[in-house]
Amino acid sequence: MATHIKSSQIHLKFSQDIKLLLQRLAQQPLTLGDILAETSERGFSLTIALLVLPFLFPMPPGLTGPFGGACLLLSVQMVLGRRSPWLPKKIANYKFPRIFAQTLLQNLRRVTKILEKITRPRLVKIAENPLTWRLNGLCISWLAILLISPVPLTNPIPTVGILLLAVANIESDGFLMCVSYIFTALTTLLFAFIAYAVWMTPSLLPAIFK
C-alpha cells in the first residue's frame, strides 16, 4: 500500500494533473502564468493541453489565434531545448473565466477516460531523450500552425495530435510519442491534399476563407 502511494506521488497521471488545475480554476480564476509557475517543466505540456483541449469541442469564435499562438510559442521553446516555459505578460496574465473552466471540466471527463486507457510509461529511454523533447516541440509547433490555419472544420484534427504529444510527455510514454509522429505525418498529408484541392479548384477559395 505504501509503495502504491509513493508511486502515485512521484508520477501523477495527466488526468489528475489537469483535474486539479481545472478544479482550482473553477473556484478562483488562475492565470497561465500561475499554472506555469506551479508546474515547472511539466508546465509546458499541461499548459499546451489546456490551450488546445477546447478545440475538441464547439467554442466561442476568436480564440483560435490567441490560444493557438500561445501553444506555438511554448512549443518553439521546446524546440530550442528550454525546460522552463516563458510567456509574454499579456498572455501569461490571461485568466480562464470560471464558466469556461467549468465547461472544460465537463468535457475533460470524456477525454480522460480514453486517454487513461491508451497511455502509460513505455519506451522511457526514447521518451526522456533530450532530442525527443525537441522533436516533440517541433511536431507540436507544426500542428499548432495547422490549427491556426483558416481551413474550416479541421481544428479537432491537429488538436488530437497536440494533445497526444502533451500527454505522452507527461506520462513518459515513448510508444504514444511514436504513434503521435505517425498521426502528425498523416495530418500533414491531409492538409496538403486540401491545399492541393483548393489550388486545383480556385472557386473553392471564397468559400474556405469566408
Protein backbone atom coordinates (compact mmCIF):
# COMPACT_ATOMS: atom_id res chain seq x y z
CA MET A 1 0.00 0.00 0.00
CA ALA A 2 2.80 2.36 0.97
CA THR A 3 4.59 1.57 -2.29
CA HIS A 4 1.47 2.41 -4.29
CA ILE A 5 1.08 5.77 -2.54
CA LYS A 6 4.73 6.64 -3.10
CA SER A 7 4.44 5.73 -6.79
CA SER A 8 1.33 7.88 -7.31
CA GLN A 9 3.05 10.81 -5.63
CA ILE A 10 6.05 10.52 -7.95
CA HIS A 11 4.06 10.06 -11.14
CA LEU A 12 0.75 11.88 -11.35
CA LYS A 13 -1.39 10.97 -14.34
CA PHE A 14 -2.33 13.58 -16.90
CA SER A 15 -5.97 13.45 -15.88
CA GLN A 16 -5.14 14.03 -12.21
CA ASP A 17 -2.90 16.98 -13.03
CA ILE A 18 -5.46 18.63 -15.28
CA LYS A 19 -8.40 17.94 -12.95
CA LEU A 20 -6.59 19.54 -10.00
CA LEU A 21 -5.81 22.62 -12.07
CA LEU A 22 -9.31 22.94 -13.50
CA GLN A 23 -10.91 22.43 -10.10
CA ARG A 24 -8.83 25.34 -8.83
CA LEU A 25 -9.83 27.34 -11.88
CA ALA A 26 -13.49 26.64 -11.10
CA GLN A 27 -13.03 28.05 -7.59
CA GLN A 28 -10.98 31.11 -8.49
CA PRO A 29 -9.54 32.39 -11.78
CA LEU A 30 -5.93 31.44 -12.38
CA THR A 31 -3.62 32.91 -14.99
CA LEU A 32 -1.50 30.92 -17.42
CA GLY A 33 1.50 32.38 -15.61
CA ASP A 34 0.30 30.89 -12.31
CA ILE A 35 -0.03 27.47 -13.92
CA LEU A 36 3.44 27.64 -15.45
CA ALA A 37 4.97 28.76 -12.16
CA GLU A 38 3.39 25.90 -10.23
CA THR A 39 4.13 23.09 -12.65
CA SER A 40 7.72 23.95 -13.70
CA GLU A 41 8.97 21.76 -16.59
CA ARG A 42 5.68 19.84 -16.67
CA GLY A 43 4.03 23.20 -17.27
CA PHE A 44 4.88 23.02 -20.96
CA SER A 45 2.69 20.01 -21.60
CA LEU A 46 -0.03 20.89 -19.08
CA THR A 47 -0.48 24.41 -20.41
CA ILE A 48 -0.40 23.25 -24.03
CA ALA A 49 -3.07 20.66 -23.19
CA LEU A 50 -5.22 23.33 -21.52
CA LEU A 51 -4.83 25.63 -24.53
CA VAL A 52 -5.83 23.06 -27.15
CA LEU A 53 -8.42 20.99 -25.26
CA PRO A 54 -11.25 23.46 -26.07
CA PHE A 55 -10.72 22.89 -29.81
CA LEU A 56 -12.09 19.36 -29.47
CA PHE A 57 -15.50 20.87 -28.78
CA PRO A 58 -17.55 23.84 -30.01
CA MET A 59 -16.02 27.01 -28.61
CA PRO A 60 -16.54 30.78 -28.89
CA PRO A 61 -15.06 32.40 -32.03
CA GLY A 62 -11.91 34.47 -31.80
CA LEU A 63 -9.92 32.15 -29.51
CA THR A 64 -8.13 30.14 -32.20
CA GLY A 65 -5.49 32.83 -32.78
CA PRO A 66 -4.61 33.63 -29.12
CA PHE A 67 -4.75 30.03 -27.87
CA GLY A 68 -3.03 28.59 -30.93
CA GLY A 69 -0.42 31.35 -30.84
CA ALA A 70 0.39 30.69 -27.18
CA CYS A 71 0.67 26.96 -27.92
CA LEU A 72 3.03 27.73 -30.81
CA LEU A 73 5.17 29.99 -28.63
CA LEU A 74 5.57 27.31 -25.96
CA SER A 75 6.34 24.56 -28.46
CA VAL A 76 9.02 26.66 -30.19
CA GLN A 77 10.72 26.98 -26.79
CA MET A 78 10.69 23.18 -26.58
CA VAL A 79 12.40 23.02 -29.98
CA LEU A 80 15.08 25.35 -28.62
CA GLY A 81 15.60 22.99 -25.68
CA ARG A 82 14.16 25.21 -22.96
CA ARG A 83 12.90 23.43 -19.85
CA SER A 84 11.40 26.47 -18.14
CA PRO A 85 8.44 27.86 -20.11
CA TRP A 86 8.02 31.58 -20.72
CA LEU A 87 5.08 33.62 -21.97
CA PRO A 88 4.73 37.37 -22.61
CA LYS A 89 2.98 39.21 -19.75
CA LYS A 90 -0.14 39.84 -21.81
CA ILE A 91 -0.60 36.11 -22.44
CA ALA A 92 0.69 34.98 -19.03
CA ASN A 93 -1.85 37.24 -17.29
CA TYR A 94 -4.79 35.73 -19.20
CA LYS A 95 -7.34 34.36 -16.75
CA PHE A 96 -9.53 31.41 -17.63
CA PRO A 97 -13.13 32.54 -16.94
CA ARG A 98 -14.92 30.41 -14.34
CA ILE A 99 -17.70 29.34 -16.74
CA PHE A 100 -15.10 28.41 -19.33
CA ALA A 101 -13.26 26.30 -16.73
CA GLN A 102 -16.46 24.51 -15.74
CA THR A 103 -17.14 23.67 -19.40
CA LEU A 104 -13.60 22.30 -19.73
CA LEU A 105 -14.14 20.16 -16.63
CA GLN A 106 -17.25 18.59 -18.10
CA ASN A 107 -15.60 17.85 -21.44
CA LEU A 108 -12.43 16.65 -19.74
CA ARG A 109 -14.21 13.66 -18.16
CA ARG A 110 -14.93 12.25 -21.61
CA VAL A 111 -11.41 12.83 -22.93
CA THR A 112 -9.53 11.42 -19.94
CA LYS A 113 -11.50 8.15 -19.97
CA ILE A 114 -10.00 7.48 -23.39
CA LEU A 115 -6.51 8.78 -22.62
CA GLU A 116 -6.12 6.75 -19.43
CA LYS A 117 -6.73 3.55 -21.43
CA ILE A 118 -4.06 4.23 -24.04
CA THR A 119 -1.16 5.78 -22.13
CA ARG A 120 1.37 4.61 -19.55
CA PRO A 121 5.18 4.81 -19.18
CA ARG A 122 6.64 2.91 -22.18
CA LEU A 123 9.91 3.13 -24.12
CA VAL A 124 11.08 5.52 -21.41
CA LYS A 125 14.59 5.85 -22.87
CA ILE A 126 13.08 7.32 -26.02
CA ALA A 127 10.63 9.49 -24.10
CA GLU A 128 13.30 11.05 -21.88
CA ASN A 129 15.89 11.65 -24.59
CA PRO A 130 16.66 15.40 -24.93
CA LEU A 131 16.38 15.13 -28.73
CA THR A 132 12.89 13.64 -28.34
CA TRP A 133 11.88 16.71 -26.31
CA ARG A 134 12.94 18.94 -29.21
CA LEU A 135 11.26 16.70 -31.79
CA ASN A 136 8.01 16.77 -29.82
CA GLY A 137 8.22 20.56 -29.73
CA LEU A 138 8.75 20.63 -33.49
CA CYS A 139 5.70 18.42 -34.11
CA ILE A 140 3.54 20.48 -31.76
CA SER A 141 4.72 23.69 -33.47
CA TRP A 142 3.75 22.36 -36.88
CA LEU A 143 0.37 21.11 -35.65
CA ALA A 144 -0.25 24.48 -33.97
CA ILE A 145 0.37 26.22 -37.30
CA LEU A 146 -2.15 23.88 -38.94
CA LEU A 147 -4.55 24.59 -36.08
CA ILE A 148 -4.31 28.34 -36.69
CA SER A 149 -4.74 27.93 -40.45
CA PRO A 150 -8.11 29.20 -41.78
CA VAL A 151 -9.32 25.83 -43.03
CA PRO A 152 -12.85 25.32 -41.66
CA LEU A 153 -13.93 22.25 -39.66
CA THR A 154 -10.35 20.98 -39.25
CA ASN A 155 -9.48 22.26 -35.75
CA PRO A 156 -10.02 18.92 -33.95
CA ILE A 157 -7.57 17.08 -36.22
CA PRO A 158 -4.27 18.83 -35.27
CA THR A 159 -5.68 19.24 -31.75
CA VAL A 160 -5.71 15.46 -31.28
CA GLY A 161 -2.05 15.25 -32.33
CA ILE A 162 -1.00 18.06 -29.97
CA LEU A 163 -2.95 16.56 -27.08
CA LEU A 164 -1.43 13.10 -27.64
CA LEU A 165 2.10 14.56 -27.62
CA ALA A 166 1.38 16.62 -24.50
CA VAL A 167 0.05 13.57 -22.66
CA ALA A 168 2.94 11.40 -23.89
CA ASN A 169 5.40 13.97 -22.47
CA ILE A 170 3.70 13.96 -19.06
CA GLU A 171 3.44 10.16 -18.91
CA SER A 172 6.91 9.45 -20.41
CA ASP A 173 5.15 7.29 -23.00
CA GLY A 174 7.61 6.78 -25.85
CA PHE A 175 5.26 4.46 -27.70
CA LEU A 176 2.49 7.07 -27.74
CA MET A 177 5.04 9.60 -28.99
CA CYS A 178 5.82 7.33 -31.97
CA VAL A 179 2.09 6.99 -32.66
CA SER A 180 1.82 10.79 -32.49
CA TYR A 181 4.60 11.18 -35.07
CA ILE A 182 2.64 8.96 -37.47
CA PHE A 183 -0.52 10.94 -36.74
CA THR A 184 1.36 14.19 -37.42
CA ALA A 185 2.56 12.85 -40.78
CA LEU A 186 -0.97 11.75 -41.75
CA THR A 187 -2.37 15.12 -40.68
CA THR A 188 0.25 16.86 -42.83
CA LEU A 189 -0.77 14.73 -45.82
CA LEU A 190 -4.43 15.56 -45.22
CA PHE A 191 -3.79 19.30 -45.15
CA ALA A 192 -1.53 19.00 -48.19
CA PHE A 193 -4.36 17.25 -50.02
CA ILE A 194 -6.78 20.03 -49.00
CA ALA A 195 -4.31 22.67 -50.19
CA TYR A 196 -3.84 20.83 -53.49
CA ALA A 197 -7.61 20.52 -53.97
CA VAL A 198 -8.05 24.24 -53.35
CA TRP A 199 -5.22 25.08 -55.74
CA MET A 200 -6.79 22.90 -58.43
CA THR A 201 -10.23 24.40 -57.82
CA PRO A 202 -9.78 28.17 -57.32
CA SER A 203 -13.54 28.62 -57.00
CA LEU A 204 -13.32 26.96 -53.56
CA LEU A 205 -11.16 29.77 -52.15
CA PRO A 206 -14.00 32.21 -51.38
CA ALA A 207 -15.89 29.50 -49.50
CA ILE A 208 -12.86 28.39 -47.45
CA PHE A 209 -11.57 31.83 -46.48
CA LYS A 210 -15.03 33.31 -45.94
